[in-house]
Amino acid sequence: MKRFQFIVFVLTGFLLAGCGRSAVAESLWQYGRIEAVKKSVTTTTKAWVVNTPLDEERTQYTISVHVQDRIIVGSYELSSTQSDPPLEWTSGYAVQIEASGDSLYLRSATGSLRLHITQRKTAGPMQPISAEEKKRLSELNAAPQSMIGFSKAAESKAVAPEPAPQPPPAPAAPSTGTVTVRSTPFLSEVFVDGDSMGYTPAKIALGPGKHTFRVDKPGYSPWTKVVTITVGSELTLDATLGKR
């Protein structure tokens, strides 16, 4: 009986140790590359004042990331705690990624974000991370330097003069075009290239090129259209859905 108890104890410890290693492995940061960043703006009427609608705009970002042989898609809503993605996050930009449950964490030298995972799909192998990219990303994990032997006298000598104020950077040139989508009936779901971008009326910023729009609502036949976007363009689509 004692021998049996000992075997059960050893097997339980082995399984717990294996689970612990698995949990640690899943929490490690990995290298990834930005696949696409899409922005959608949904306008919602909150109230009416003397026949004038008071609209509220909600901005949502959808970011696709290539990691190893997978594409992970996440989205988040712009808020006081979540800002716009860094301008450097364009297709192919190297980032660090961690997927934990339904949360997707992205970080780079230019910023970090937390997203809600909406889709996982298989893909071909990711383009390898270069040595220069690894060096830049590895600095995110660097521990602060030791303060041992750092005296007050040394601190006073090491204080650098305050840098002269720099002029604000020039605004970045636009890199997208915008499409306003309206529909009959109201509050129909808008898909761009197969990804949900919110509900009508919606204002969507997209990169240049051809994009497939689909407007859909239960009980109605879907409406589709292929549109070519150019940098700085502003288009309006009016979708009329017929009942099935």
Protein backbone atom coordinates (compact mmCIF):
# COMPACT_ATOMS: atom_id res chain seq x y z
CA MET A 1 0.00 0.00 0.00
CA LYS A 2 2.82 2.37 0.84
CA ARG A 3 4.53 1.56 -2.46
CA PHE A 4 1.30 2.40 -4.34
CA GLN A 5 0.99 5.76 -2.54
CA PHE A 6 4.58 6.59 -3.39
CA ILE A 7 4.01 5.90 -7.12
CA VAL A 8 0.87 8.09 -7.15
CA PHE A 9 2.79 10.91 -5.44
CA VAL A 10 5.65 10.75 -7.98
CA LEU A 11 3.26 10.72 -10.97
CA THR A 12 1.27 13.67 -9.57
CA GLY A 13 4.43 15.70 -9.06
CA PHE A 14 5.59 14.91 -12.60
CA LEU A 15 2.26 16.03 -14.11
CA LEU A 16 2.22 19.24 -12.08
CA ALA A 17 5.79 20.04 -13.12
CA GLY A 18 4.88 19.45 -16.77
CA CYS A 19 1.84 21.76 -16.49
CA GLY A 20 4.01 24.40 -14.88
CA ARG A 21 6.50 24.28 -17.73
CA SER A 22 3.67 24.52 -20.27
CA ALA A 23 2.19 27.59 -18.56
CA VAL A 24 5.58 29.29 -18.50
CA ALA A 25 6.21 28.49 -22.15
CA GLU A 26 2.86 30.01 -23.19
CA SER A 27 3.59 33.24 -21.32
CA LEU A 28 6.92 33.91 -23.10
CA TRP A 29 7.14 36.79 -25.56
CA GLN A 30 7.65 35.75 -29.18
CA TYR A 31 8.76 37.56 -32.29
CA GLY A 32 6.11 38.53 -34.81
CA ARG A 33 5.47 40.83 -37.75
CA ILE A 34 2.56 43.19 -38.30
CA GLU A 35 0.45 41.85 -41.16
CA ALA A 36 -2.16 44.64 -41.42
CA VAL A 37 -3.69 47.47 -39.41
CA LYS A 38 -7.28 48.48 -40.19
CA LYS A 39 -9.28 51.32 -38.69
CA SER A 40 -13.07 51.64 -38.63
CA VAL A 41 -15.20 54.49 -37.32
CA THR A 42 -18.84 53.81 -36.39
CA THR A 43 -21.25 56.69 -35.88
CA THR A 44 -24.09 56.17 -33.40
CA THR A 45 -26.92 58.64 -32.77
CA LYS A 46 -27.22 59.15 -28.99
CA ALA A 47 -30.03 61.70 -28.93
CA TRP A 48 -31.99 64.24 -31.00
CA VAL A 49 -32.14 67.96 -30.24
CA VAL A 50 -34.62 69.98 -32.33
CA ASN A 51 -34.53 67.44 -35.17
CA THR A 52 -30.71 67.45 -35.07
CA PRO A 53 -28.98 64.15 -34.26
CA LEU A 54 -26.23 64.13 -31.65
CA ASP A 55 -23.81 61.56 -32.99
CA GLU A 56 -21.01 59.73 -31.21
CA GLU A 57 -18.10 58.20 -33.09
CA ARG A 58 -16.47 54.97 -31.97
CA THR A 59 -13.08 54.10 -33.43
CA GLN A 60 -11.99 50.48 -33.61
CA TYR A 61 -8.67 49.07 -34.77
CA THR A 62 -8.15 45.54 -36.10
CA ILE A 63 -4.53 44.35 -36.18
CA SER A 64 -3.31 41.13 -37.80
CA VAL A 65 0.05 39.72 -36.68
CA HIS A 66 2.10 36.96 -38.32
CA VAL A 67 3.88 34.76 -35.75
CA GLN A 68 5.65 31.55 -36.81
CA ASP A 69 3.08 29.80 -39.06
CA ARG A 70 -0.04 31.53 -37.75
CA ILE A 71 -1.96 34.76 -38.21
CA ILE A 72 -3.53 36.12 -35.02
CA VAL A 73 -6.15 38.87 -35.41
CA GLY A 74 -7.09 41.15 -32.54
CA SER A 75 -9.15 44.30 -32.13
CA TYR A 76 -9.61 47.08 -29.59
CA GLU A 77 -11.60 50.28 -29.23
CA LEU A 78 -9.90 53.65 -28.98
CA SER A 79 -10.28 55.05 -25.45
CA SER A 80 -8.54 57.12 -22.79
CA THR A 81 -6.38 54.08 -21.93
CA GLN A 82 -5.85 52.76 -25.48
CA SER A 83 -4.31 55.09 -28.06
CA ASP A 84 -3.82 54.80 -31.83
CA PRO A 85 -1.26 52.23 -33.00
CA PRO A 86 2.23 53.69 -33.65
CA LEU A 87 2.68 54.97 -37.19
CA GLU A 88 5.62 52.57 -37.60
CA TRP A 89 3.29 49.56 -37.27
CA THR A 90 2.93 48.89 -40.96
CA SER A 91 3.02 45.59 -42.84
CA GLY A 92 6.21 43.67 -42.02
CA TYR A 93 7.15 45.69 -38.91
CA ALA A 94 8.76 43.48 -36.24
CA VAL A 95 7.12 43.37 -32.78
CA GLN A 96 7.04 41.18 -29.71
CA ILE A 97 3.80 39.25 -29.18
CA GLU A 98 2.22 37.32 -26.32
CA ALA A 99 -1.14 35.54 -26.57
CA SER A 100 -2.75 34.73 -23.22
CA GLY A 101 -6.29 33.34 -23.30
CA ASP A 102 -8.35 35.71 -25.45
CA SER A 103 -5.92 38.63 -24.94
CA LEU A 104 -3.20 39.63 -27.40
CA TYR A 105 -0.31 41.79 -26.20
CA LEU A 106 1.91 43.63 -28.70
CA ARG A 107 4.94 45.75 -27.95
CA SER A 108 7.84 47.42 -29.71
CA ALA A 109 10.21 50.30 -29.13
CA THR A 110 7.51 52.69 -30.38
CA GLY A 111 4.56 51.54 -28.27
CA SER A 112 2.49 48.70 -26.82
CA LEU A 113 -1.17 47.62 -26.98
CA ARG A 114 -3.56 45.03 -25.58
CA LEU A 115 -6.15 43.58 -27.96
CA HIS A 116 -9.01 41.08 -27.83
CA ILE A 117 -8.32 38.06 -30.05
CA THR A 118 -11.02 37.64 -32.70
CA GLN A 119 -9.45 35.12 -35.06
CA ARG A 120 -6.62 32.60 -35.39
CA LYS A 121 -5.66 31.04 -38.69
CA THR A 122 -2.78 29.10 -40.22
CA ALA A 123 -0.35 30.73 -42.64
CA GLY A 124 3.00 30.17 -44.29
CA PRO A 125 6.26 30.63 -42.38
CA MET A 126 6.93 34.14 -41.11
CA GLN A 127 9.84 36.08 -42.62
CA PRO A 128 12.78 35.57 -40.20
CA ILE A 129 13.62 38.37 -37.78
CA SER A 130 16.94 40.02 -38.65
CA ALA A 131 19.78 40.49 -36.14
CA GLU A 132 19.17 44.24 -36.08
CA GLU A 133 15.46 43.75 -35.33
CA LYS A 134 16.24 41.24 -32.57
CA LYS A 135 18.69 43.70 -31.01
CA ARG A 136 16.08 46.47 -31.03
CA LEU A 137 13.41 44.23 -29.52
CA SER A 138 15.75 42.65 -26.96
CA GLU A 139 16.25 46.08 -25.39
CA LEU A 140 12.64 45.88 -24.19
CA ASN A 141 13.66 43.02 -21.88
CA ALA A 142 16.89 44.66 -20.59
CA ALA A 143 17.00 45.07 -16.82
CA PRO A 144 17.96 48.48 -15.35
CA GLN A 145 21.65 48.92 -14.51
CA SER A 146 22.85 48.20 -10.97
CA MET A 147 23.02 51.16 -8.57
CA ILE A 148 25.70 49.57 -6.30
CA GLY A 149 28.46 52.11 -5.49
CA PHE A 150 26.49 54.98 -7.03
CA SER A 151 27.12 57.74 -4.46
CA LYS A 152 25.40 61.10 -4.15
CA ALA A 153 28.64 62.81 -5.23
CA ALA A 154 28.77 60.72 -8.38
CA GLU A 155 25.08 61.43 -8.96
CA SER A 156 25.64 65.18 -8.78
CA LYS A 157 28.50 64.96 -11.29
CA ALA A 158 26.55 62.71 -13.64
CA VAL A 159 23.56 65.03 -13.97
CA ALA A 160 23.36 66.07 -17.60
CA PRO A 161 22.14 69.51 -18.65
CA GLU A 162 18.52 69.69 -19.72
CA PRO A 163 18.19 69.33 -23.48
CA ALA A 164 16.99 72.32 -25.45
CA PRO A 165 13.32 72.10 -26.39
CA GLN A 166 12.77 70.57 -29.80
CA PRO A 167 10.20 71.85 -32.28
CA PRO A 168 7.16 69.58 -32.68
CA PRO A 169 7.48 67.05 -35.51
CA ALA A 170 5.79 67.83 -38.77
CA PRO A 171 2.47 66.02 -39.26
CA ALA A 172 2.82 62.74 -41.14
CA ALA A 173 1.60 62.66 -44.71
CA PRO A 174 -1.65 60.69 -45.14
CA SER A 175 -1.16 57.05 -46.12
CA THR A 176 -4.79 55.92 -46.35
CA GLY A 177 -8.10 56.80 -47.94
CA THR A 178 -11.49 56.88 -46.21
CA VAL A 179 -14.78 55.25 -47.15
CA THR A 180 -18.11 56.18 -45.56
CA VAL A 181 -20.62 53.31 -45.70
CA ARG A 182 -24.36 53.94 -45.28
CA SER A 183 -27.13 51.45 -45.68
CA THR A 184 -30.83 50.77 -45.88
CA PRO A 185 -31.78 49.25 -43.47
CA PHE A 186 -29.81 51.01 -40.73
CA LEU A 187 -27.21 49.21 -38.53
CA SER A 188 -26.14 46.64 -41.08
CA GLU A 189 -22.76 44.94 -40.51
CA VAL A 190 -19.88 46.03 -42.76
CA PHE A 191 -17.17 43.59 -43.88
CA VAL A 192 -13.98 44.67 -45.68
CA ASP A 193 -11.93 41.89 -47.27
CA GLY A 194 -13.79 39.42 -45.05
CA ASP A 195 -13.13 41.24 -41.74
CA SER A 196 -15.96 42.82 -39.74
CA MET A 197 -15.50 46.60 -39.44
CA GLY A 198 -18.59 47.50 -37.38
CA TYR A 199 -22.08 48.66 -38.31
CA THR A 200 -23.49 51.35 -40.55
CA PRO A 201 -23.13 54.23 -40.71
CA ALA A 202 -19.36 53.62 -40.62
CA LYS A 203 -16.33 55.61 -41.67
CA ILE A 204 -13.37 53.34 -42.50
CA ALA A 205 -9.72 54.22 -43.22
CA LEU A 206 -7.97 51.81 -45.60
CA GLY A 207 -4.65 51.53 -47.37
CA PRO A 208 -4.44 52.04 -51.13
CA GLY A 209 -5.52 49.25 -53.45
CA LYS A 210 -8.62 47.20 -54.22
CA HIS A 211 -10.90 46.25 -51.31
CA THR A 212 -14.08 44.16 -51.28
CA PHE A 213 -16.98 45.59 -49.27
CA ARG A 214 -19.93 43.48 -48.09
CA VAL A 215 -22.91 44.85 -46.17
CA ASP A 216 -25.05 42.22 -44.49
CA LYS A 217 -28.01 41.94 -42.13
CA PRO A 218 -30.11 38.93 -41.10
CA GLY A 219 -33.22 38.61 -43.25
CA TYR A 220 -31.71 40.61 -46.14
CA SER A 221 -29.64 39.71 -49.19
CA PRO A 222 -26.00 40.84 -48.80
CA TRP A 223 -24.70 43.79 -50.80
CA THR A 224 -21.15 43.67 -52.23
CA LYS A 225 -18.91 46.04 -54.11
CA VAL A 226 -15.19 46.19 -55.03
CA VAL A 227 -13.65 49.64 -54.53
CA THR A 228 -10.21 50.96 -55.42
CA ILE A 229 -8.76 53.21 -52.69
CA THR A 230 -6.10 55.83 -53.29
CA VAL A 231 -4.15 57.84 -50.73
CA GLY A 232 -6.24 60.78 -49.52
CA SER A 233 -9.41 59.65 -51.30
CA GLU A 234 -12.83 60.09 -49.65
CA LEU A 235 -15.61 57.84 -50.96
CA THR A 236 -19.21 57.22 -49.91
CA LEU A 237 -21.04 53.93 -50.45
CA ASP A 238 -24.84 53.67 -50.18
CA ALA A 239 -25.91 50.06 -49.82
CA THR A 240 -29.56 49.08 -50.27
CA LEU A 241 -30.31 45.56 -49.06
CA GLY A 242 -33.34 43.72 -50.43
CA LYS A 243 -35.43 41.45 -48.23
CA ARG A 244 -35.07 37.73 -48.80
